[in-house]
């Protein structure tokens, strides 16, 4: 898929379509797979988890201007648990 096609998958306001959402997610997986050639999976896993938490904190504080941090943490924790369960149940993983 070329750049023009990828951009067409996004809406005007920058939101991702479901297809584009998966494409963006796959880019992170590609980075992990490349790093895994030189970094142990157990170390890499934790580095990505740390990076995700760091970016989520940046988003909460600077973009969403989250008032109640504990509510945000609870919401994100539930989101992560659901995503993790879905992927663990996926036989293709």
PDB file of N, CA and C in Angstrom:
ATOM      1  N   UNK A   1       0.847  -1.175   0.000  1.00  0.00           N
ATOM      2  CA  UNK A   1       0.000   0.000   0.000  1.00  0.00           C
ATOM      3  C   UNK A   1       0.894   1.241   0.000  1.00  0.00           C
ATOM      4  N   UNK A   2       0.601   2.164  -0.886  1.00  0.00           N
ATOM      5  CA  UNK A   2       1.421   3.366  -0.978  1.00  0.00           C
ATOM      6  C   UNK A   2       0.918   4.454  -0.022  1.00  0.00           C
ATOM      7  N   UNK A   3       1.688   5.521   0.076  1.00  0.00           N
ATOM      8  CA  UNK A   3       1.375   6.613   1.008  1.00  0.00           C
ATOM      9  C   UNK A   3       0.005   7.226   0.724  1.00  0.00           C
ATOM     10  N   UNK A   4      -0.302   7.429  -0.537  1.00  0.00           N
ATOM     11  CA  UNK A   4      -1.587   8.033  -0.906  1.00  0.00           C
ATOM     12  C   UNK A   4      -2.749   7.148  -0.455  1.00  0.00           C
ATOM     13  N   UNK A   5      -2.619   5.854  -0.627  1.00  0.00           N
ATOM     14  CA  UNK A   5      -3.672   4.930  -0.200  1.00  0.00           C
ATOM     15  C   UNK A   5      -3.823   4.922   1.319  1.00  0.00           C
ATOM     16  N   UNK A   6      -2.678   4.972   2.025  1.00  0.00           N
ATOM     17  CA  UNK A   6      -2.742   5.001   3.493  1.00  0.00           C
ATOM     18  C   UNK A   6      -3.421   6.271   3.977  1.00  0.00           C
ATOM     19  N   UNK A   7      -3.074   7.398   3.366  1.00  0.00           N
ATOM     20  CA  UNK A   7      -3.696   8.659   3.768  1.00  0.00           C
ATOM     21  C   UNK A   7      -5.186   8.674   3.470  1.00  0.00           C
ATOM     22  N   UNK A   8      -5.589   8.016   2.407  1.00  0.00           N
ATOM     23  CA  UNK A   8      -7.005   7.955   2.053  1.00  0.00           C
ATOM     24  C   UNK A   8      -7.801   7.188   3.093  1.00  0.00           C
ATOM     25  N   UNK A   9      -7.134   6.330   3.850  1.00  0.00           N
ATOM     26  CA  UNK A   9      -7.820   5.566   4.882  1.00  0.00           C
ATOM     27  C   UNK A   9      -8.121   6.408   6.117  1.00  0.00           C
ATOM     28  N   UNK A  10      -7.466   7.527   6.246  1.00  0.00           N
ATOM     29  CA  UNK A  10      -7.706   8.401   7.383  1.00  0.00           C
ATOM     30  C   UNK A  10      -8.828   9.377   7.048  1.00  0.00           C
ATOM     31  N   UNK A  11      -9.558   9.792   8.068  1.00  0.00           N
ATOM     32  CA  UNK A  11     -10.582  10.795   7.848  1.00  0.00           C
ATOM     33  C   UNK A  11      -9.930  12.169   7.877  1.00  0.00           C
ATOM     34  N   UNK A  12     -10.679  13.178   7.527  1.00  0.00           N
ATOM     35  CA  UNK A  12     -10.151  14.543   7.455  1.00  0.00           C
ATOM     36  C   UNK A  12      -9.626  15.023   8.803  1.00  0.00           C
ATOM     37  N   UNK A  13     -10.241  14.594   9.895  1.00  0.00           N
ATOM     38  CA  UNK A  13      -9.815  15.078  11.219  1.00  0.00           C
ATOM     39  C   UNK A  13      -8.622  14.307  11.792  1.00  0.00           C
ATOM     40  N   UNK A  14      -8.058  13.397  11.015  1.00  0.00           N
ATOM     41  CA  UNK A  14      -6.887  12.658  11.472  1.00  0.00           C
ATOM     42  C   UNK A  14      -7.205  11.360  12.179  1.00  0.00           C
ATOM     43  N   UNK A  15      -8.477  11.042  12.328  1.00  0.00           N
ATOM     44  CA  UNK A  15      -8.850   9.771  12.943  1.00  0.00           C
ATOM     45  C   UNK A  15      -8.510   8.630  12.003  1.00  0.00           C
ATOM     46  N   UNK A  16      -8.190   7.487  12.578  1.00  0.00           N
ATOM     47  CA  UNK A  16      -7.843   6.322  11.773  1.00  0.00           C
ATOM     48  C   UNK A  16      -9.075   5.469  11.495  1.00  0.00           C
ATOM     49  N   UNK A  17      -9.168   5.001  10.278  1.00  0.00           N
ATOM     50  CA  UNK A  17     -10.185   4.004   9.963  1.00  0.00           C
ATOM     51  C   UNK A  17      -9.742   2.698  10.625  1.00  0.00           C
ATOM     52  N   UNK A  18     -10.631   1.708  10.727  1.00  0.00           N
ATOM     53  CA  UNK A  18     -10.204   0.429  11.306  1.00  0.00           C
ATOM     54  C   UNK A  18      -9.006  -0.188  10.575  1.00  0.00           C
ATOM     55  N   UNK A  19      -8.985  -0.094   9.258  1.00  0.00           N
ATOM     56  CA  UNK A  19      -7.865  -0.639   8.490  1.00  0.00           C
ATOM     57  C   UNK A  19      -6.578   0.118   8.780  1.00  0.00           C
ATOM     58  N   UNK A  20      -6.650   1.430   8.812  1.00  0.00           N
ATOM     59  CA  UNK A  20      -5.470   2.243   9.094  1.00  0.00           C
ATOM     60  C   UNK A  20      -4.984   2.031  10.525  1.00  0.00           C
ATOM     61  N   UNK A  21      -5.912   1.815  11.449  1.00  0.00           N
ATOM     62  CA  UNK A  21      -5.555   1.536  12.846  1.00  0.00           C
ATOM     63  C   UNK A  21      -4.682   0.292  12.929  1.00  0.00           C
ATOM     64  N   UNK A  22      -5.082  -0.758  12.230  1.00  0.00           N
ATOM     65  CA  UNK A  22      -4.305  -2.000  12.222  1.00  0.00           C
ATOM     66  C   UNK A  22      -2.952  -1.771  11.553  1.00  0.00           C
ATOM     67  N   UNK A  23      -2.927  -0.995  10.476  1.00  0.00           N
ATOM     68  CA  UNK A  23      -1.665  -0.702   9.781  1.00  0.00           C
ATOM     69  C   UNK A  23      -0.683   0.019  10.711  1.00  0.00           C
ATOM     70  N   UNK A  24      -1.165   1.007  11.450  1.00  0.00           N
ATOM     71  CA  UNK A  24      -0.299   1.735  12.381  1.00  0.00           C
ATOM     72  C   UNK A  24       0.197   0.786  13.475  1.00  0.00           C
ATOM     73  N   UNK A  25      -0.700  -0.032  13.994  1.00  0.00           N
ATOM     74  CA  UNK A  25      -0.312  -1.009  15.019  1.00  0.00           C
ATOM     75  C   UNK A  25       0.744  -1.965  14.490  1.00  0.00           C
ATOM     76  N   UNK A  26       0.586  -2.399  13.257  1.00  0.00           N
ATOM     77  CA  UNK A  26       1.551  -3.319  12.651  1.00  0.00           C
ATOM     78  C   UNK A  26       2.935  -2.707  12.511  1.00  0.00           C
ATOM     79  N   UNK A  27       3.005  -1.394  12.369  1.00  0.00           N
ATOM     80  CA  UNK A  27       4.315  -0.727  12.293  1.00  0.00           C
ATOM     81  C   UNK A  27       5.084  -0.902  13.602  1.00  0.00           C
ATOM     82  N   UNK A  28       4.383  -0.842  14.719  1.00  0.00           N
ATOM     83  CA  UNK A  28       5.033  -1.069  16.009  1.00  0.00           C
ATOM     84  C   UNK A  28       5.514  -2.507  16.126  1.00  0.00           C
ATOM     85  N   UNK A  29       4.700  -3.436  15.652  1.00  0.00           N
ATOM     86  CA  UNK A  29       5.091  -4.846  15.683  1.00  0.00           C
ATOM     87  C   UNK A  29       6.306  -5.080  14.796  1.00  0.00           C
ATOM     88  N   UNK A  30       6.353  -4.413  13.640  1.00  0.00           N
ATOM     89  CA  UNK A  30       7.518  -4.532  12.753  1.00  0.00           C
ATOM     90  C   UNK A  30       8.790  -4.041  13.442  1.00  0.00           C
ATOM     91  N   UNK A  31       8.690  -2.923  14.152  1.00  0.00           N
ATOM     92  CA  UNK A  31       9.852  -2.408  14.889  1.00  0.00           C
ATOM     93  C   UNK A  31      10.292  -3.428  15.929  1.00  0.00           C
ATOM     94  N   UNK A  32       9.334  -4.001  16.651  1.00  0.00           N
ATOM     95  CA  UNK A  32       9.662  -5.008  17.667  1.00  0.00           C
ATOM     96  C   UNK A  32      10.346  -6.214  17.034  1.00  0.00           C
ATOM     97  N   UNK A  33       9.809  -6.674  15.923  1.00  0.00           N
ATOM     98  CA  UNK A  33      10.400  -7.839  15.264  1.00  0.00           C
ATOM     99  C   UNK A  33      11.831  -7.561  14.795  1.00  0.00           C
ATOM    100  N   UNK A  34      12.088  -6.366  14.307  1.00  0.00           N
ATOM    101  CA  UNK A  34      13.452  -6.007  13.886  1.00  0.00           C
ATOM    102  C   UNK A  34      14.390  -5.919  15.088  1.00  0.00           C
ATOM    103  N   UNK A  35      13.920  -5.307  16.161  1.00  0.00           N
ATOM    104  CA  UNK A  35      14.737  -5.187  17.368  1.00  0.00           C
ATOM    105  C   UNK A  35      15.025  -6.555  17.988  1.00  0.00           C
ATOM    106  N   UNK A  36      14.103  -7.483  17.807  1.00  0.00           N
ATOM    107  CA  UNK A  36      14.240  -8.807  18.406  1.00  0.00           C
ATOM    108  C   UNK A  36      15.415  -9.597  17.842  1.00  0.00           C
ATOM    109  N   UNK A  37      15.976  -9.132  16.737  1.00  0.00           N
ATOM    110  CA  UNK A  37      17.153  -9.819  16.200  1.00  0.00           C
ATOM    111  C   UNK A  37      18.389  -9.568  17.072  1.00  0.00           C
ATOM    112  N   UNK A  38      18.364  -8.504  17.867  1.00  0.00           N
ATOM    113  CA  UNK A  38      19.515  -8.187  18.725  1.00  0.00           C
ATOM    114  C   UNK A  38      19.160  -8.007  20.199  1.00  0.00           C
ATOM    115  N   UNK A  39      17.870  -7.971  20.507  1.00  0.00           N
ATOM    116  CA  UNK A  39      17.428  -7.753  21.886  1.00  0.00           C
ATOM    117  C   UNK A  39      16.544  -8.924  22.306  1.00  0.00           C
ATOM    118  N   UNK A  40      16.774  -9.434  23.511  1.00  0.00           N
ATOM    119  CA  UNK A  40      15.951 -10.536  24.006  1.00  0.00           C
ATOM    120  C   UNK A  40      14.483 -10.118  24.048  1.00  0.00           C
ATOM    121  N   UNK A  41      13.605 -11.054  23.693  1.00  0.00           N
ATOM    122  CA  UNK A  41      12.170 -10.773  23.675  1.00  0.00           C
ATOM    123  C   UNK A  41      11.670 -10.299  25.037  1.00  0.00           C
ATOM    124  N   UNK A  42      12.195 -10.869  26.123  1.00  0.00           N
ATOM    125  CA  UNK A  42      11.748 -10.460  27.461  1.00  0.00           C
ATOM    126  C   UNK A  42      12.122  -9.005  27.756  1.00  0.00           C
ATOM    127  N   UNK A  43      13.275  -8.571  27.295  1.00  0.00           N
ATOM    128  CA  UNK A  43      13.694  -7.175  27.469  1.00  0.00           C
ATOM    129  C   UNK A  43      12.900  -6.260  26.544  1.00  0.00           C
ATOM    130  N   UNK A  44      12.736  -6.683  25.332  1.00  0.00           N
ATOM    131  CA  UNK A  44      12.008  -5.903  24.323  1.00  0.00           C
ATOM    132  C   UNK A  44      10.556  -5.696  24.736  1.00  0.00           C
ATOM    133  N   UNK A  45       9.945  -6.750  25.225  1.00  0.00           N
ATOM    134  CA  UNK A  45       8.557  -6.686  25.689  1.00  0.00           C
ATOM    135  C   UNK A  45       8.395  -5.587  26.736  1.00  0.00           C
ATOM    136  N   UNK A  46       9.288  -5.559  27.704  1.00  0.00           N
ATOM    137  CA  UNK A  46       9.191  -4.561  28.767  1.00  0.00           C
ATOM    138  C   UNK A  46       9.505  -3.155  28.261  1.00  0.00           C
ATOM    139  N   UNK A  47      10.419  -3.039  27.317  1.00  0.00           N
ATOM    140  CA  UNK A  47      10.734  -1.725  26.747  1.00  0.00           C
ATOM    141  C   UNK A  47       9.523  -1.145  26.009  1.00  0.00           C
ATOM    142  N   UNK A  48       8.824  -2.000  25.265  1.00  0.00           N
ATOM    143  CA  UNK A  48       7.636  -1.529  24.557  1.00  0.00           C
ATOM    144  C   UNK A  48       6.518  -1.184  25.534  1.00  0.00           C
ATOM    145  N   UNK A  49       6.378  -1.965  26.590  1.00  0.00           N
ATOM    146  CA  UNK A  49       5.371  -1.672  27.605  1.00  0.00           C
ATOM    147  C   UNK A  49       5.683  -0.331  28.276  1.00  0.00           C
ATOM    148  N   UNK A  50       6.956  -0.107  28.585  1.00  0.00           N
ATOM    149  CA  UNK A  50       7.381   1.162  29.179  1.00  0.00           C
ATOM    150  C   UNK A  50       7.096   2.319  28.224  1.00  0.00           C
ATOM    151  N   UNK A  51       7.452   2.149  26.954  1.00  0.00           N
ATOM    152  CA  UNK A  51       7.211   3.193  25.959  1.00  0.00           C
ATOM    153  C   UNK A  51       5.730   3.501  25.802  1.00  0.00           C
ATOM    154  N   UNK A  52       4.912   2.475  25.818  1.00  0.00           N
ATOM    155  CA  UNK A  52       3.467   2.672  25.716  1.00  0.00           C
ATOM    156  C   UNK A  52       2.940   3.451  26.915  1.00  0.00           C
ATOM    157  N   UNK A  53       3.404   3.091  28.105  1.00  0.00           N
ATOM    158  CA  UNK A  53       2.973   3.800  29.309  1.00  0.00           C
ATOM    159  C   UNK A  53       3.435   5.258  29.265  1.00  0.00           C
ATOM    160  N   UNK A  54       4.651   5.466  28.801  1.00  0.00           N
ATOM    161  CA  UNK A  54       5.187   6.832  28.722  1.00  0.00           C
ATOM    162  C   UNK A  54       4.394   7.683  27.744  1.00  0.00           C
ATOM    163  N   UNK A  55       4.077   7.118  26.575  1.00  0.00           N
ATOM    164  CA  UNK A  55       3.310   7.869  25.588  1.00  0.00           C
ATOM    165  C   UNK A  55       1.884   8.112  26.084  1.00  0.00           C
ATOM    166  N   UNK A  56       1.299   7.137  26.746  1.00  0.00           N
ATOM    167  CA  UNK A  56      -0.052   7.312  27.291  1.00  0.00           C
ATOM    168  C   UNK A  56      -0.080   8.411  28.353  1.00  0.00           C
ATOM    169  N   UNK A  57       0.945   8.480  29.178  1.00  0.00           N
ATOM    170  CA  UNK A  57       1.030   9.547  30.185  1.00  0.00           C
ATOM    171  C   UNK A  57       1.170  10.906  29.505  1.00  0.00           C
ATOM    172  N   UNK A  58       2.001  10.988  28.472  1.00  0.00           N
ATOM    173  CA  UNK A  58       2.145  12.233  27.713  1.00  0.00           C
ATOM    174  C   UNK A  58       0.798  12.640  27.136  1.00  0.00           C
ATOM    175  N   UNK A  59       0.102  11.675  26.511  1.00  0.00           N
ATOM    176  CA  UNK A  59      -1.201  11.955  25.923  1.00  0.00           C
ATOM    177  C   UNK A  59      -2.183  12.458  26.983  1.00  0.00           C
ATOM    178  N   UNK A  60      -2.248  11.758  28.109  1.00  0.00           N
ATOM    179  CA  UNK A  60      -3.202  12.120  29.162  1.00  0.00           C
ATOM    180  C   UNK A  60      -2.947  13.525  29.695  1.00  0.00           C
ATOM    181  N   UNK A  61      -1.682  13.842  29.924  1.00  0.00           N
ATOM    182  CA  UNK A  61      -1.346  15.120  30.538  1.00  0.00           C
ATOM    183  C   UNK A  61      -1.362  16.287  29.557  1.00  0.00           C
ATOM    184  N   UNK A  62      -0.899  16.062  28.325  1.00  0.00           N
ATOM    185  CA  UNK A  62      -0.679  17.175  27.403  1.00  0.00           C
ATOM    186  C   UNK A  62      -1.700  17.300  26.281  1.00  0.00           C
ATOM    187  N   UNK A  63      -2.321  16.218  25.889  1.00  0.00           N
ATOM    188  CA  UNK A  63      -3.283  16.256  24.788  1.00  0.00           C
ATOM    189  C   UNK A  63      -4.713  16.226  25.338  1.00  0.00           C
ATOM    190  N   UNK A  64      -5.018  15.209  26.127  1.00  0.00           N
ATOM    191  CA  UNK A  64      -6.371  15.049  26.671  1.00  0.00           C
ATOM    192  C   UNK A  64      -6.617  15.953  27.878  1.00  0.00           C
ATOM    193  N   UNK A  65      -5.529  16.462  28.466  1.00  0.00           N
ATOM    194  CA  UNK A  65      -5.640  17.313  29.658  1.00  0.00           C
ATOM    195  C   UNK A  65      -6.495  16.627  30.726  1.00  0.00           C
ATOM    196  N   UNK A  66      -6.164  15.368  30.992  1.00  0.00           N
ATOM    197  CA  UNK A  66      -6.909  14.537  31.930  1.00  0.00           C
ATOM    198  C   UNK A  66      -6.904  15.147  33.322  1.00  0.00           C
ATOM    199  N   UNK A  67      -8.101  15.337  33.863  1.00  0.00           N
ATOM    200  CA  UNK A  67      -8.246  15.892  35.213  1.00  0.00           C
ATOM    201  C   UNK A  67      -8.011  14.813  36.273  1.00  0.00           C
ATOM    202  N   UNK A  68      -8.633  13.654  36.081  1.00  0.00           N
ATOM    203  CA  UNK A  68      -8.549  12.586  37.063  1.00  0.00           C
ATOM    204  C   UNK A  68      -7.630  11.489  36.524  1.00  0.00           C
ATOM    205  N   UNK A  69      -6.391  11.497  36.969  1.00  0.00           N
ATOM    206  CA  UNK A  69      -5.408  10.543  36.458  1.00  0.00           C
ATOM    207  C   UNK A  69      -5.757   9.107  36.810  1.00  0.00           C
ATOM    208  N   UNK A  70      -6.327   8.882  37.987  1.00  0.00           N
ATOM    209  CA  UNK A  70      -6.678   7.516  38.382  1.00  0.00           C
ATOM    210  C   UNK A  70      -7.778   6.939  37.500  1.00  0.00           C
ATOM    211  N   UNK A  71      -8.732   7.759  37.086  1.00  0.00           N
ATOM    212  CA  UNK A  71      -9.760   7.289  36.151  1.00  0.00           C
ATOM    213  C   UNK A  71      -9.130   6.918  34.811  1.00  0.00           C
ATOM    214  N   UNK A  72      -8.175   7.719  34.368  1.00  0.00           N
ATOM    215  CA  UNK A  72      -7.480   7.439  33.114  1.00  0.00           C
ATOM    216  C   UNK A  72      -6.704   6.126  33.223  1.00  0.00           C
ATOM    217  N   UNK A  73      -5.990   5.946  34.323  1.00  0.00           N
ATOM    218  CA  UNK A  73      -5.225   4.711  34.541  1.00  0.00           C
ATOM    219  C   UNK A  73      -6.168   3.510  34.539  1.00  0.00           C
ATOM    220  N   UNK A  74      -7.288   3.624  35.217  1.00  0.00           N
ATOM    221  CA  UNK A  74      -8.257   2.534  35.263  1.00  0.00           C
ATOM    222  C   UNK A  74      -8.785   2.223  33.858  1.00  0.00           C
ATOM    223  N   UNK A  75      -9.128   3.251  33.119  1.00  0.00           N
ATOM    224  CA  UNK A  75      -9.633   3.057  31.750  1.00  0.00           C
ATOM    225  C   UNK A  75      -8.581   2.380  30.868  1.00  0.00           C
ATOM    226  N   UNK A  76      -7.358   2.869  30.920  1.00  0.00           N
ATOM    227  CA  UNK A  76      -6.296   2.309  30.088  1.00  0.00           C
ATOM    228  C   UNK A  76      -5.974   0.872  30.490  1.00  0.00           C
ATOM    229  N   UNK A  77      -6.003   0.593  31.785  1.00  0.00           N
ATOM    230  CA  UNK A  77      -5.750  -0.767  32.265  1.00  0.00           C
ATOM    231  C   UNK A  77      -6.805  -1.723  31.724  1.00  0.00           C
ATOM    232  N   UNK A  78      -8.063  -1.317  31.770  1.00  0.00           N
ATOM    233  CA  UNK A  78      -9.141  -2.156  31.239  1.00  0.00           C
ATOM    234  C   UNK A  78      -8.991  -2.347  29.731  1.00  0.00           C
ATOM    235  N   UNK A  79      -8.626  -1.292  29.029  1.00  0.00           N
ATOM    236  CA  UNK A  79      -8.417  -1.398  27.584  1.00  0.00           C
ATOM    237  C   UNK A  79      -7.304  -2.395  27.277  1.00  0.00           C
ATOM    238  N   UNK A  80      -6.194  -2.279  27.998  1.00  0.00           N
ATOM    239  CA  UNK A  80      -5.063  -3.175  27.780  1.00  0.00           C
ATOM    240  C   UNK A  80      -5.442  -4.627  28.066  1.00  0.00           C
ATOM    241  N   UNK A  81      -6.131  -4.845  29.174  1.00  0.00           N
ATOM    242  CA  UNK A  81      -6.517  -6.214  29.525  1.00  0.00           C
ATOM    243  C   UNK A  81      -7.404  -6.828  28.448  1.00  0.00           C
ATOM    244  N   UNK A  82      -8.343  -6.055  27.922  1.00  0.00           N
ATOM    245  CA  UNK A  82      -9.229  -6.578  26.877  1.00  0.00           C
ATOM    246  C   UNK A  82      -8.440  -6.882  25.599  1.00  0.00           C
ATOM    247  N   UNK A  83      -7.563  -5.980  25.212  1.00  0.00           N
ATOM    248  CA  UNK A  83      -6.748  -6.212  24.014  1.00  0.00           C
ATOM    249  C   UNK A  83      -5.854  -7.433  24.193  1.00  0.00           C
ATOM    250  N   UNK A  84      -5.239  -7.550  25.356  1.00  0.00           N
ATOM    251  CA  UNK A  84      -4.358  -8.683  25.633  1.00  0.00           C
ATOM    252  C   UNK A  84      -5.131  -9.998  25.587  1.00  0.00           C
ATOM    253  N   UNK A  85      -6.311 -10.017  26.186  1.00  0.00           N
ATOM    254  CA  UNK A  85      -7.137 -11.232  26.140  1.00  0.00           C
ATOM    255  C   UNK A  85      -7.508 -11.610  24.710  1.00  0.00           C
ATOM    256  N   UNK A  86      -7.864 -10.609  23.904  1.00  0.00           N
ATOM    257  CA  UNK A  86      -8.227 -10.869  22.503  1.00  0.00           C
ATOM    258  C   UNK A  86      -7.040 -11.477  21.747  1.00  0.00           C
ATOM    259  N   UNK A  87      -5.860 -10.932  21.961  1.00  0.00           N
ATOM    260  CA  UNK A  87      -4.680 -11.441  21.248  1.00  0.00           C
ATOM    261  C   UNK A  87      -4.263 -12.821  21.749  1.00  0.00           C
ATOM    262  N   UNK A  88      -4.396 -13.065  23.049  1.00  0.00           N
ATOM    263  CA  UNK A  88      -4.068 -14.389  23.574  1.00  0.00           C
ATOM    264  C   UNK A  88      -5.021 -15.460  23.047  1.00  0.00           C
ATOM    265  N   UNK A  89      -6.252 -15.068  22.766  1.00  0.00           N
ATOM    266  CA  UNK A  89      -7.234 -16.010  22.226  1.00  0.00           C
ATOM    267  C   UNK A  89      -7.089 -16.216  20.718  1.00  0.00           C
ATOM    268  N   UNK A  90      -6.272 -15.398  20.077  1.00  0.00           N
ATOM    269  CA  UNK A  90      -6.092 -15.470  18.623  1.00  0.00           C
ATOM    270  C   UNK A  90      -5.088 -16.566  18.284  1.00  0.00           C
ATOM    271  N   UNK A  91      -5.514 -17.621  17.595  1.00  0.00           N
ATOM    272  CA  UNK A  91      -4.580 -18.709  17.277  1.00  0.00           C
ATOM    273  C   UNK A  91      -3.478 -18.319  16.275  1.00  0.00           C
ATOM    274  N   UNK A  92      -3.646 -17.192  15.603  1.00  0.00           N
ATOM    275  CA  UNK A  92      -2.619 -16.781  14.631  1.00  0.00           C
ATOM    276  C   UNK A  92      -1.444 -16.058  15.271  1.00  0.00           C
ATOM    277  N   UNK A  93      -1.563 -15.727  16.551  1.00  0.00           N
ATOM    278  CA  UNK A  93      -0.473 -14.997  17.242  1.00  0.00           C
ATOM    279  C   UNK A  93       0.612 -15.979  17.636  1.00  0.00           C
TER     280      UNK A  93
END
